[in-house]
C-alpha cells in the first residue's frame, strides 16, 4: 500500500514486520464475515467501487444472495 500511495505523494507509516505478517483476517459465520468486511470498509473509508468489490467477493463465496447488497439497493 505504501508503494501504491508514494507516486501520489501520500506517505503512510510502514508497520513492523510482525504486525504486517499478522495481516487482517475476517473469518467466521456469514454474519461475522459480513460485519468484518463492513468494518474494514468503514475503517478505510472505502469508496463505492471498493465496497462493490467486497460485495462481489461475498457473492462468489455464497455469503450473500446476488443482487441484494447495498449497491443493488442503490440502483
PDB file of N, CA and C in Angstrom:
ATOM      1  N   UNK A   1       0.821  -1.179   0.000  1.00  0.00           N
ATOM      2  CA  UNK A   1       0.000   0.000   0.000  1.00  0.00           C
ATOM      3  C   UNK A   1       0.874   1.255   0.000  1.00  0.00           C
ATOM      4  N   UNK A   2       1.958   1.207   0.757  1.00  0.00           N
ATOM      5  CA  UNK A   2       2.856   2.359   0.806  1.00  0.00           C
ATOM      6  C   UNK A   2       3.392   2.691  -0.584  1.00  0.00           C
ATOM      7  N   UNK A   3       3.748   1.658  -1.355  1.00  0.00           N
ATOM      8  CA  UNK A   3       4.261   1.891  -2.707  1.00  0.00           C
ATOM      9  C   UNK A   3       3.182   2.417  -3.637  1.00  0.00           C
ATOM     10  N   UNK A   4       1.949   1.998  -3.440  1.00  0.00           N
ATOM     11  CA  UNK A   4       0.856   2.476  -4.285  1.00  0.00           C
ATOM     12  C   UNK A   4       0.563   3.951  -4.039  1.00  0.00           C
ATOM     13  N   UNK A   5       0.717   4.399  -2.799  1.00  0.00           N
ATOM     14  CA  UNK A   5       0.424   5.785  -2.467  1.00  0.00           C
ATOM     15  C   UNK A   5       1.602   6.726  -2.709  1.00  0.00           C
ATOM     16  N   UNK A   6       2.795   6.185  -2.800  1.00  0.00           N
ATOM     17  CA  UNK A   6       4.004   7.004  -2.973  1.00  0.00           C
ATOM     18  C   UNK A   6       3.951   7.924  -4.187  1.00  0.00           C
ATOM     19  N   UNK A   7       3.545   7.461  -5.389  1.00  0.00           N
ATOM     20  CA  UNK A   7       3.504   8.363  -6.544  1.00  0.00           C
ATOM     21  C   UNK A   7       2.565   9.553  -6.344  1.00  0.00           C
ATOM     22  N   UNK A   8       1.550   9.380  -5.506  1.00  0.00           N
ATOM     23  CA  UNK A   8       0.609  10.467  -5.247  1.00  0.00           C
ATOM     24  C   UNK A   8       1.119  11.388  -4.133  1.00  0.00           C
ATOM     25  N   UNK A   9       2.290  11.074  -3.589  1.00  0.00           N
ATOM     26  CA  UNK A   9       2.843  11.905  -2.522  1.00  0.00           C
ATOM     27  C   UNK A   9       2.198  11.676  -1.169  1.00  0.00           C
ATOM     28  N   UNK A  10       1.469  10.585  -1.035  1.00  0.00           N
ATOM     29  CA  UNK A  10       0.813  10.268   0.237  1.00  0.00           C
ATOM     30  C   UNK A  10       1.628   9.195   0.942  1.00  0.00           C
ATOM     31  N   UNK A  11       2.309   9.581   1.979  1.00  0.00           N
ATOM     32  CA  UNK A  11       3.144   8.636   2.715  1.00  0.00           C
ATOM     33  C   UNK A  11       2.387   8.120   3.932  1.00  0.00           C
ATOM     34  N   UNK A  12       2.516   6.833   4.182  1.00  0.00           N
ATOM     35  CA  UNK A  12       1.916   6.231   5.364  1.00  0.00           C
ATOM     36  C   UNK A  12       3.005   5.479   6.108  1.00  0.00           C
ATOM     37  N   UNK A  13       2.853   5.324   7.419  1.00  0.00           N
ATOM     38  CA  UNK A  13       3.863   4.566   8.154  1.00  0.00           C
ATOM     39  C   UNK A  13       3.805   3.090   7.755  1.00  0.00           C
ATOM     40  N   UNK A  14       4.956   2.493   7.605  1.00  0.00           N
ATOM     41  CA  UNK A  14       5.037   1.076   7.277  1.00  0.00           C
ATOM     42  C   UNK A  14       5.089   0.314   8.605  1.00  0.00           C
ATOM     43  N   UNK A  15       4.202  -0.674   8.783  1.00  0.00           N
ATOM     44  CA  UNK A  15       4.171  -1.388  10.058  1.00  0.00           C
ATOM     45  C   UNK A  15       5.400  -2.268  10.238  1.00  0.00           C
ATOM     46  N   UNK A  16       5.732  -2.584  11.490  1.00  0.00           N
ATOM     47  CA  UNK A  16       6.832  -3.529  11.730  1.00  0.00           C
ATOM     48  C   UNK A  16       6.495  -4.892  11.108  1.00  0.00           C
ATOM     49  N   UNK A  17       7.499  -5.695  10.852  1.00  0.00           N
ATOM     50  CA  UNK A  17       7.324  -6.987  10.184  1.00  0.00           C
ATOM     51  C   UNK A  17       6.306  -7.855  10.915  1.00  0.00           C
ATOM     52  N   UNK A  18       6.389  -7.940  12.242  1.00  0.00           N
ATOM     53  CA  UNK A  18       5.480  -8.823  12.975  1.00  0.00           C
ATOM     54  C   UNK A  18       4.017  -8.395  12.835  1.00  0.00           C
ATOM     55  N   UNK A  19       3.771  -7.105  12.726  1.00  0.00           N
ATOM     56  CA  UNK A  19       2.406  -6.608  12.524  1.00  0.00           C
ATOM     57  C   UNK A  19       1.947  -6.923  11.094  1.00  0.00           C
ATOM     58  N   UNK A  20       2.810  -6.694  10.130  1.00  0.00           N
ATOM     59  CA  UNK A  20       2.468  -6.955   8.733  1.00  0.00           C
ATOM     60  C   UNK A  20       2.185  -8.433   8.495  1.00  0.00           C
ATOM     61  N   UNK A  21       2.921  -9.313   9.154  1.00  0.00           N
ATOM     62  CA  UNK A  21       2.716 -10.747   8.969  1.00  0.00           C
ATOM     63  C   UNK A  21       1.367 -11.207   9.523  1.00  0.00           C
ATOM     64  N   UNK A  22       0.882 -10.539  10.564  1.00  0.00           N
ATOM     65  CA  UNK A  22      -0.429 -10.909  11.125  1.00  0.00           C
ATOM     66  C   UNK A  22      -1.540 -10.596  10.142  1.00  0.00           C
ATOM     67  N   UNK A  23      -1.436  -9.466   9.497  1.00  0.00           N
ATOM     68  CA  UNK A  23      -2.419  -9.080   8.492  1.00  0.00           C
ATOM     69  C   UNK A  23      -3.826  -8.978   9.049  1.00  0.00           C
ATOM     70  N   UNK A  24      -4.772  -8.762   8.169  1.00  0.00           N
ATOM     71  CA  UNK A  24      -6.184  -8.697   8.559  1.00  0.00           C
ATOM     72  C   UNK A  24      -6.845  -9.970   8.069  1.00  0.00           C
ATOM     73  N   UNK A  25      -7.506 -10.624   8.988  1.00  0.00           N
ATOM     74  CA  UNK A  25      -8.258 -11.828   8.627  1.00  0.00           C
ATOM     75  C   UNK A  25      -9.697 -11.637   9.058  1.00  0.00           C
ATOM     76  N   UNK A  26     -10.584 -12.014   8.191  1.00  0.00           N
ATOM     77  CA  UNK A  26     -12.006 -11.972   8.512  1.00  0.00           C
ATOM     78  C   UNK A  26     -12.516 -13.395   8.343  1.00  0.00           C
ATOM     79  N   UNK A  27     -12.800 -14.039   9.463  1.00  0.00           N
ATOM     80  CA  UNK A  27     -13.235 -15.433   9.430  1.00  0.00           C
ATOM     81  C   UNK A  27     -14.453 -15.603  10.319  1.00  0.00           C
ATOM     82  N   UNK A  28     -15.221 -16.627  10.035  1.00  0.00           N
ATOM     83  CA  UNK A  28     -16.365 -16.943  10.871  1.00  0.00           C
ATOM     84  C   UNK A  28     -17.602 -17.209  10.050  1.00  0.00           C
ATOM     85  N   UNK A  29     -18.728 -17.050  10.692  1.00  0.00           N
ATOM     86  CA  UNK A  29     -20.011 -17.280  10.030  1.00  0.00           C
ATOM     87  C   UNK A  29     -20.241 -16.185   8.986  1.00  0.00           C
ATOM     88  N   UNK A  30     -21.206 -16.393   8.092  1.00  0.00           N
ATOM     89  CA  UNK A  30     -21.511 -15.337   7.120  1.00  0.00           C
ATOM     90  C   UNK A  30     -21.812 -13.997   7.788  1.00  0.00           C
ATOM     91  N   UNK A  31     -22.505 -14.026   8.906  1.00  0.00           N
ATOM     92  CA  UNK A  31     -22.820 -12.781   9.614  1.00  0.00           C
ATOM     93  C   UNK A  31     -21.551 -12.118  10.137  1.00  0.00           C
ATOM     94  N   UNK A  32     -20.648 -12.913  10.682  1.00  0.00           N
ATOM     95  CA  UNK A  32     -19.381 -12.387  11.199  1.00  0.00           C
ATOM     96  C   UNK A  32     -18.524 -11.823  10.076  1.00  0.00           C
ATOM     97  N   UNK A  33     -18.465 -12.548   8.955  1.00  0.00           N
ATOM     98  CA  UNK A  33     -17.662 -12.089   7.815  1.00  0.00           C
ATOM     99  C   UNK A  33     -18.238 -10.792   7.260  1.00  0.00           C
ATOM    100  N   UNK A  34     -19.557 -10.741   7.141  1.00  0.00           N
ATOM    101  CA  UNK A  34     -20.182  -9.505   6.638  1.00  0.00           C
ATOM    102  C   UNK A  34     -19.836  -8.326   7.546  1.00  0.00           C
ATOM    103  N   UNK A  35     -19.966  -8.533   8.844  1.00  0.00           N
ATOM    104  CA  UNK A  35     -19.650  -7.462   9.789  1.00  0.00           C
ATOM    105  C   UNK A  35     -18.182  -7.055   9.677  1.00  0.00           C
ATOM    106  N   UNK A  36     -17.300  -8.026   9.498  1.00  0.00           N
ATOM    107  CA  UNK A  36     -15.879  -7.727   9.354  1.00  0.00           C
ATOM    108  C   UNK A  36     -15.564  -6.935   8.106  1.00  0.00           C
ATOM    109  N   UNK A  37     -16.197  -7.307   7.002  1.00  0.00           N
ATOM    110  CA  UNK A  37     -15.990  -6.582   5.746  1.00  0.00           C
ATOM    111  C   UNK A  37     -16.541  -5.171   5.851  1.00  0.00           C
ATOM    112  N   UNK A  38     -17.722  -5.030   6.446  1.00  0.00           N
ATOM    113  CA  UNK A  38     -18.293  -3.696   6.610  1.00  0.00           C
ATOM    114  C   UNK A  38     -17.426  -2.831   7.525  1.00  0.00           C
ATOM    115  N   UNK A  39     -16.872  -3.425   8.580  1.00  0.00           N
ATOM    116  CA  UNK A  39     -15.993  -2.675   9.481  1.00  0.00           C
ATOM    117  C   UNK A  39     -14.718  -2.237   8.757  1.00  0.00           C
ATOM    118  N   UNK A  40     -14.153  -3.125   7.938  1.00  0.00           N
ATOM    119  CA  UNK A  40     -12.947  -2.773   7.181  1.00  0.00           C
ATOM    120  C   UNK A  40     -13.248  -1.661   6.186  1.00  0.00           C
ATOM    121  N   UNK A  41     -14.376  -1.754   5.508  1.00  0.00           N
ATOM    122  CA  UNK A  41     -14.753  -0.718   4.546  1.00  0.00           C
ATOM    123  C   UNK A  41     -14.921   0.621   5.246  1.00  0.00           C
ATOM    124  N   UNK A  42     -15.530   0.603   6.421  1.00  0.00           N
ATOM    125  CA  UNK A  42     -15.712   1.843   7.187  1.00  0.00           C
ATOM    126  C   UNK A  42     -14.378   2.387   7.688  1.00  0.00           C
ATOM    127  N   UNK A  43     -13.543   1.493   8.199  1.00  0.00           N
ATOM    128  CA  UNK A  43     -12.235   1.905   8.738  1.00  0.00           C
ATOM    129  C   UNK A  43     -11.367   2.567   7.674  1.00  0.00           C
ATOM    130  N   UNK A  44     -11.416   2.017   6.469  1.00  0.00           N
ATOM    131  CA  UNK A  44     -10.583   2.540   5.395  1.00  0.00           C
ATOM    132  C   UNK A  44     -11.340   3.498   4.480  1.00  0.00           C
ATOM    133  N   UNK A  45     -12.529   3.899   4.896  1.00  0.00           N
ATOM    134  CA  UNK A  45     -13.395   4.793   4.110  1.00  0.00           C
ATOM    135  C   UNK A  45     -13.430   4.361   2.645  1.00  0.00           C
ATOM    136  N   UNK A  46     -13.810   3.109   2.451  1.00  0.00           N
ATOM    137  CA  UNK A  46     -13.846   2.525   1.114  1.00  0.00           C
ATOM    138  C   UNK A  46     -14.835   3.268   0.222  1.00  0.00           C
ATOM    139  N   UNK A  47     -14.424   3.512  -0.990  1.00  0.00           N
ATOM    140  CA  UNK A  47     -15.314   4.151  -1.955  1.00  0.00           C
ATOM    141  C   UNK A  47     -16.287   3.112  -2.521  1.00  0.00           C
ATOM    142  N   UNK A  48     -17.206   3.552  -3.341  1.00  0.00           N
ATOM    143  CA  UNK A  48     -18.254   2.672  -3.863  1.00  0.00           C
ATOM    144  C   UNK A  48     -17.678   1.504  -4.652  1.00  0.00           C
ATOM    145  N   UNK A  49     -16.644   1.737  -5.447  1.00  0.00           N
ATOM    146  CA  UNK A  49     -16.056   0.658  -6.246  1.00  0.00           C
ATOM    147  C   UNK A  49     -15.442  -0.404  -5.344  1.00  0.00           C
ATOM    148  N   UNK A  50     -14.770   0.019  -4.290  1.00  0.00           N
ATOM    149  CA  UNK A  50     -14.162  -0.940  -3.382  1.00  0.00           C
ATOM    150  C   UNK A  50     -15.241  -1.708  -2.629  1.00  0.00           C
ATOM    151  N   UNK A  51     -16.277  -1.002  -2.181  1.00  0.00           N
ATOM    152  CA  UNK A  51     -17.385  -1.699  -1.498  1.00  0.00           C
ATOM    153  C   UNK A  51     -17.994  -2.736  -2.431  1.00  0.00           C
ATOM    154  N   UNK A  52     -18.152  -2.374  -3.691  1.00  0.00           N
ATOM    155  CA  UNK A  52     -18.736  -3.309  -4.647  1.00  0.00           C
ATOM    156  C   UNK A  52     -17.845  -4.531  -4.816  1.00  0.00           C
ATOM    157  N   UNK A  53     -16.523  -4.341  -4.792  1.00  0.00           N
ATOM    158  CA  UNK A  53     -15.631  -5.492  -4.923  1.00  0.00           C
ATOM    159  C   UNK A  53     -15.800  -6.428  -3.729  1.00  0.00           C
ATOM    160  N   UNK A  54     -16.010  -5.872  -2.533  1.00  0.00           N
ATOM    161  CA  UNK A  54     -16.281  -6.714  -1.359  1.00  0.00           C
ATOM    162  C   UNK A  54     -17.589  -7.484  -1.557  1.00  0.00           C
ATOM    163  N   UNK A  55     -18.593  -6.816  -2.102  1.00  0.00           N
ATOM    164  CA  UNK A  55     -19.870  -7.485  -2.341  1.00  0.00           C
ATOM    165  C   UNK A  55     -19.703  -8.630  -3.332  1.00  0.00           C
ATOM    166  N   UNK A  56     -18.932  -8.396  -4.390  1.00  0.00           N
ATOM    167  CA  UNK A  56     -18.722  -9.440  -5.391  1.00  0.00           C
ATOM    168  C   UNK A  56     -17.999 -10.645  -4.796  1.00  0.00           C
ATOM    169  N   UNK A  57     -17.024 -10.390  -3.933  1.00  0.00           N
ATOM    170  CA  UNK A  57     -16.320 -11.487  -3.256  1.00  0.00           C
ATOM    171  C   UNK A  57     -17.305 -12.273  -2.399  1.00  0.00           C
ATOM    172  N   UNK A  58     -18.115 -11.565  -1.619  1.00  0.00           N
ATOM    173  CA  UNK A  58     -19.095 -12.225  -0.758  1.00  0.00           C
ATOM    174  C   UNK A  58     -20.071 -13.053  -1.589  1.00  0.00           C
ATOM    175  N   UNK A  59     -20.528 -12.510  -2.703  1.00  0.00           N
ATOM    176  CA  UNK A  59     -21.451 -13.244  -3.571  1.00  0.00           C
ATOM    177  C   UNK A  59     -20.792 -14.508  -4.112  1.00  0.00           C
ATOM    178  N   UNK A  60     -19.540 -14.394  -4.538  1.00  0.00           N
ATOM    179  CA  UNK A  60     -18.833 -15.539  -5.111  1.00  0.00           C
ATOM    180  C   UNK A  60     -18.680 -16.666  -4.095  1.00  0.00           C
ATOM    181  N   UNK A  61     -18.504 -16.299  -2.823  1.00  0.00           N
ATOM    182  CA  UNK A  61     -18.357 -17.297  -1.779  1.00  0.00           C
ATOM    183  C   UNK A  61     -19.694 -17.697  -1.166  1.00  0.00           C
ATOM    184  N   UNK A  62     -20.788 -17.217  -1.744  1.00  0.00           N
ATOM    185  CA  UNK A  62     -22.105 -17.610  -1.266  1.00  0.00           C
ATOM    186  C   UNK A  62     -22.491 -16.993   0.065  1.00  0.00           C
ATOM    187  N   UNK A  63     -21.883 -15.859   0.414  1.00  0.00           N
ATOM    188  CA  UNK A  63     -22.165 -15.225   1.696  1.00  0.00           C
ATOM    189  C   UNK A  63     -23.368 -14.295   1.639  1.00  0.00           C
ATOM    190  N   UNK A  64     -23.760 -13.877   0.444  1.00  0.00           N
ATOM    191  CA  UNK A  64     -24.968 -13.068   0.246  1.00  0.00           C
ATOM    192  C   UNK A  64     -25.608 -13.511  -1.051  1.00  0.00           C
ATOM    193  N   UNK A  65     -26.867 -13.266  -1.181  1.00  0.00           N
ATOM    194  CA  UNK A  65     -27.549 -13.563  -2.437  1.00  0.00           C
ATOM    195  C   UNK A  65     -27.190 -12.494  -3.457  1.00  0.00           C
ATOM    196  N   UNK A  66     -26.922 -12.883  -4.669  1.00  0.00           N
ATOM    197  CA  UNK A  66     -26.555 -11.962  -5.738  1.00  0.00           C
ATOM    198  C   UNK A  66     -27.626 -10.888  -5.914  1.00  0.00           C
ATOM    199  N   UNK A  67     -27.176  -9.652  -6.020  1.00  0.00           N
ATOM    200  CA  UNK A  67     -28.090  -8.547  -6.281  1.00  0.00           C
ATOM    201  C   UNK A  67     -28.819  -8.023  -5.063  1.00  0.00           C
ATOM    202  N   UNK A  68     -28.376  -8.413  -3.843  1.00  0.00           N
ATOM    203  CA  UNK A  68     -29.067  -7.948  -2.642  1.00  0.00           C
ATOM    204  C   UNK A  68     -28.211  -7.011  -1.796  1.00  0.00           C
ATOM    205  N   UNK A  69     -26.993  -6.724  -2.235  1.00  0.00           N
ATOM    206  CA  UNK A  69     -26.108  -5.861  -1.458  1.00  0.00           C
ATOM    207  C   UNK A  69     -26.485  -4.417  -1.578  1.00  0.00           C
ATOM    208  N   UNK A  70     -25.795  -3.537  -0.840  1.00  0.00           N
ATOM    209  CA  UNK A  70     -26.101  -2.100  -0.866  1.00  0.00           C
ATOM    210  C   UNK A  70     -26.039  -1.488  -2.250  1.00  0.00           C
ATOM    211  N   UNK A  71     -25.105  -1.948  -3.091  1.00  0.00           N
ATOM    212  CA  UNK A  71     -25.020  -1.376  -4.437  1.00  0.00           C
ATOM    213  C   UNK A  71     -26.266  -1.693  -5.242  1.00  0.00           C
ATOM    214  N   UNK A  72     -26.813  -2.890  -5.077  1.00  0.00           N
ATOM    215  CA  UNK A  72     -28.022  -3.264  -5.806  1.00  0.00           C
ATOM    216  C   UNK A  72     -29.214  -2.437  -5.323  1.00  0.00           C
ATOM    217  N   UNK A  73     -29.252  -2.161  -4.023  1.00  0.00           N
ATOM    218  CA  UNK A  73     -30.360  -1.395  -3.483  1.00  0.00           C
ATOM    219  C   UNK A  73     -30.318   0.056  -3.930  1.00  0.00           C
ATOM    220  N   UNK A  74     -29.101   0.571  -4.196  1.00  0.00           N
ATOM    221  CA  UNK A  74     -28.957   1.967  -4.591  1.00  0.00           C
ATOM    222  C   UNK A  74     -29.339   2.192  -6.047  1.00  0.00           C
ATOM    223  N   UNK A  75     -29.342   1.134  -6.853  1.00  0.00           N
ATOM    224  CA  UNK A  75     -29.649   1.315  -8.274  1.00  0.00           C
ATOM    225  C   UNK A  75     -31.122   1.197  -8.569  1.00  0.00           C
TER     226      UNK A  75
END
